[in-house]
Each structure stands twice: as structure tokens, then as C-alpha cells.
């Protein structure tokens, strides 16, 4: 119990320091954006440095903070040769993408499917791996997180 309290306190202290999305991606935390995921990780992995890095890459996932985060656009990045393995993403690109004019598809050799979320200035804010996402989850995420254009 005492060890868990020390670990939680350590995680909270180190959580104040945030890493850039590129640094987090280099550490392997692509798409692991919620701090509750890091708390779950700490229950199974006893590597404090790993948990600390996770906390530096996470976003507070309380209902209020998560529901307010929106992005001005996104880039759906995927390798064209690997698309055959992702029929849900192909379906989204072919049949749903036009509903989201601020979402661009970018084909990058050997890239796993991911969303690169953009702020108002078009700067990269967050990267989310979507390898196993169903089309309806992708649609729901886009509706909730990508700001509608003024024409909509």
C-alpha cells in the first residue's frame, strides 16, 4: 500500500513535465493519450521510469477536460500499400471523408494508420494510432473532436 502511494505521488509529480508529441511517439506512446491508461499500466508494470514517461505523454481524461478538446483539422496518414489490411479505414476514406472537409488523407510509405490532430494554426497537436478502429468509431471521434467548418 505504501509503495503504491509512493508510486502514485511520483507519477503525479513527474506528470507536471509534459513531452512533445514527437518525443512521446519516439518513446512508443503513440495513441496512448489518457492518464488513466498510465495508471492502469502502473498496476501491471513495475518500471517507474516507463510509467513516468507515460505520465509525461498523457492527457487528463476527466469528463470535463476530454469533452472540451477539439481540433481544427486532422491528417489521416496511412501507407497506400497497407490499405488492403485496413478495410474499415478504406471505407471511411471512400464513403465518409467528404463529411469532414478539414480532414486530409496523406499517403506515407510504411506508415501505420494514424490521425494527426491539428490546432488552429495547422500545427501537429496529437497523434493517434487507429490500426484497429472500426469505421463507426472513427466517425464518432471525428464528429466529437474535429470542429465543424463555418460552412457546415
Protein backbone atom coordinates (compact mmCIF):
# COMPACT_ATOMS: atom_id res chain seq x y z
CA UNK A 1 0.00 0.00 0.00
CA UNK A 2 2.80 2.41 0.94
CA UNK A 3 4.67 1.52 -2.28
CA UNK A 4 1.54 2.27 -4.35
CA UNK A 5 1.16 5.64 -2.61
CA UNK A 6 4.82 6.50 -3.33
CA UNK A 7 4.41 5.41 -6.96
CA UNK A 8 1.23 7.48 -7.38
CA UNK A 9 2.88 10.54 -5.81
CA UNK A 10 5.93 10.10 -8.06
CA UNK A 11 3.67 9.84 -11.10
CA UNK A 12 1.77 13.00 -10.16
CA UNK A 13 4.97 14.99 -9.63
CA UNK A 14 6.50 13.83 -12.90
CA UNK A 15 3.22 14.35 -14.74
CA UNK A 16 3.71 18.11 -14.48
CA UNK A 17 6.50 17.84 -17.05
CA UNK A 18 4.99 17.21 -20.49
CA UNK A 19 6.88 15.89 -23.50
CA UNK A 20 6.20 16.89 -27.09
CA UNK A 21 4.07 14.55 -29.21
CA UNK A 22 7.19 13.70 -31.25
CA UNK A 23 9.13 12.76 -28.10
CA UNK A 24 6.17 10.66 -26.92
CA UNK A 25 5.91 8.93 -30.28
CA UNK A 26 9.65 8.15 -30.13
CA UNK A 27 9.09 6.60 -26.68
CA UNK A 28 6.31 4.42 -28.12
CA UNK A 29 3.30 6.18 -26.61
CA UNK A 30 1.57 6.93 -29.89
CA UNK A 31 -2.17 6.91 -29.30
CA UNK A 32 -1.85 6.31 -25.55
CA UNK A 33 -3.22 9.69 -24.67
CA UNK A 34 -5.16 9.17 -21.43
CA UNK A 35 -3.59 9.38 -17.97
CA UNK A 36 -5.95 6.65 -16.74
CA UNK A 37 -4.14 4.34 -19.19
CA UNK A 38 -0.86 5.18 -17.46
CA UNK A 39 -2.43 4.46 -14.07
CA UNK A 40 -3.55 1.07 -15.39
CA UNK A 41 -0.06 0.47 -16.78
CA UNK A 42 1.45 1.14 -13.34
CA UNK A 43 -0.63 -1.70 -11.88
CA UNK A 44 0.97 -4.24 -14.24
CA UNK A 45 4.41 -2.80 -14.96
CA UNK A 46 6.75 -2.09 -12.08
CA UNK A 47 9.14 0.06 -14.16
CA UNK A 48 8.79 3.53 -12.61
CA UNK A 49 10.70 5.21 -15.44
CA UNK A 50 8.31 3.77 -18.04
CA UNK A 51 5.26 4.85 -16.04
CA UNK A 52 6.81 8.29 -15.55
CA UNK A 53 7.35 8.66 -19.31
CA UNK A 54 3.75 7.58 -19.86
CA UNK A 55 2.53 10.27 -17.46
CA UNK A 56 4.59 12.89 -19.32
CA UNK A 57 2.79 11.93 -22.55
CA UNK A 58 -0.79 11.63 -21.33
CA UNK A 59 -3.81 13.88 -21.27
CA UNK A 60 -6.05 14.24 -18.24
CA UNK A 61 -9.13 12.21 -19.07
CA UNK A 62 -11.70 13.61 -16.72
CA UNK A 63 -15.03 14.08 -18.50
CA UNK A 64 -14.74 17.88 -18.49
CA UNK A 65 -11.24 18.09 -19.91
CA UNK A 66 -11.75 15.44 -22.61
CA UNK A 67 -15.08 16.73 -23.86
CA UNK A 68 -13.68 20.23 -24.38
CA UNK A 69 -10.67 19.24 -26.51
CA UNK A 70 -11.35 19.82 -30.19
CA UNK A 71 -9.11 20.24 -33.20
CA UNK A 72 -9.39 22.44 -36.27
CA UNK A 73 -8.50 19.55 -38.58
CA UNK A 74 -6.64 16.30 -38.98
CA UNK A 75 -4.41 14.34 -41.31
CA UNK A 76 -5.27 10.67 -41.76
CA UNK A 77 -1.87 9.18 -42.54
CA UNK A 78 -1.55 5.66 -43.95
CA UNK A 79 0.64 3.63 -46.29
CA UNK A 80 -1.17 3.06 -49.58
CA UNK A 81 0.30 -0.45 -49.88
CA UNK A 82 -1.01 -1.43 -46.44
CA UNK A 83 -4.56 -0.16 -47.03
CA UNK A 84 -5.66 -3.65 -48.07
CA UNK A 85 -5.21 -4.69 -44.42
CA UNK A 86 -7.48 -1.90 -43.13
CA UNK A 87 -10.92 -2.21 -44.80
CA UNK A 88 -12.55 -0.05 -42.09
CA UNK A 89 -10.21 2.84 -42.91
CA UNK A 90 -10.69 2.33 -46.66
CA UNK A 91 -14.47 2.53 -46.10
CA UNK A 92 -14.06 5.75 -44.15
CA UNK A 93 -11.83 7.32 -46.83
CA UNK A 94 -14.10 6.28 -49.72
CA UNK A 95 -17.51 6.91 -48.18
CA UNK A 96 -17.27 9.21 -45.15
CA UNK A 97 -14.27 11.51 -45.56
CA UNK A 98 -16.16 14.12 -47.61
CA UNK A 99 -18.23 14.85 -44.47
CA UNK A 100 -15.05 16.24 -42.89
CA UNK A 101 -13.51 18.86 -45.21
CA UNK A 102 -10.75 19.71 -42.71
CA UNK A 103 -9.50 16.11 -42.70
CA UNK A 104 -6.86 15.35 -45.32
CA UNK A 105 -5.60 11.91 -46.33
CA UNK A 106 -1.84 11.61 -46.65
CA UNK A 107 -0.16 8.51 -48.04
CA UNK A 108 3.24 7.91 -46.43
CA UNK A 109 5.29 4.83 -47.25
CA UNK A 110 5.27 2.23 -44.46
CA UNK A 111 3.20 4.42 -42.10
CA UNK A 112 0.72 2.66 -39.83
CA UNK A 113 -2.78 4.20 -39.93
CA UNK A 114 -2.89 7.22 -37.65
CA UNK A 115 -4.64 10.52 -37.14
CA UNK A 116 -2.51 13.60 -36.73
CA UNK A 117 -4.71 16.13 -34.98
CA UNK A 118 -4.12 19.80 -35.83
CA UNK A 119 -4.66 23.04 -33.91
CA UNK A 120 -5.94 26.36 -35.28
CA UNK A 121 -2.55 27.17 -36.81
CA UNK A 122 -2.39 23.78 -38.54
CA UNK A 123 0.29 22.60 -36.12
CA UNK A 124 0.56 18.95 -35.03
CA UNK A 125 -1.04 18.59 -31.56
CA UNK A 126 -1.60 14.86 -31.08
CA UNK A 127 -1.02 11.59 -32.93
CA UNK A 128 -3.44 8.71 -32.51
CA UNK A 129 -2.89 5.22 -33.91
CA UNK A 130 -6.09 3.87 -35.48
CA UNK A 131 -4.96 0.42 -36.66
CA UNK A 132 -7.84 -1.44 -35.03
CA UNK A 133 -10.54 1.22 -35.12
CA UNK A 134 -13.91 0.38 -36.60
CA UNK A 135 -15.38 2.81 -39.10
CA UNK A 136 -18.15 3.88 -36.71
CA UNK A 137 -15.57 4.69 -34.00
CA UNK A 138 -13.59 6.79 -36.45
CA UNK A 139 -16.77 8.63 -37.45
CA UNK A 140 -17.77 9.24 -33.83
CA UNK A 141 -14.30 10.51 -32.94
CA UNK A 142 -14.28 12.89 -35.91
CA UNK A 143 -17.74 14.24 -35.05
CA UNK A 144 -16.70 14.88 -31.44
CA UNK A 145 -13.16 16.15 -31.91
CA UNK A 146 -12.91 17.92 -35.28
CA UNK A 147 -14.53 21.36 -35.29
CA UNK A 148 -17.14 21.75 -38.00
CA UNK A 149 -16.27 24.29 -40.68
CA UNK A 150 -18.25 27.52 -40.81
CA UNK A 151 -19.97 26.29 -43.99
CA UNK A 152 -21.45 23.31 -42.12
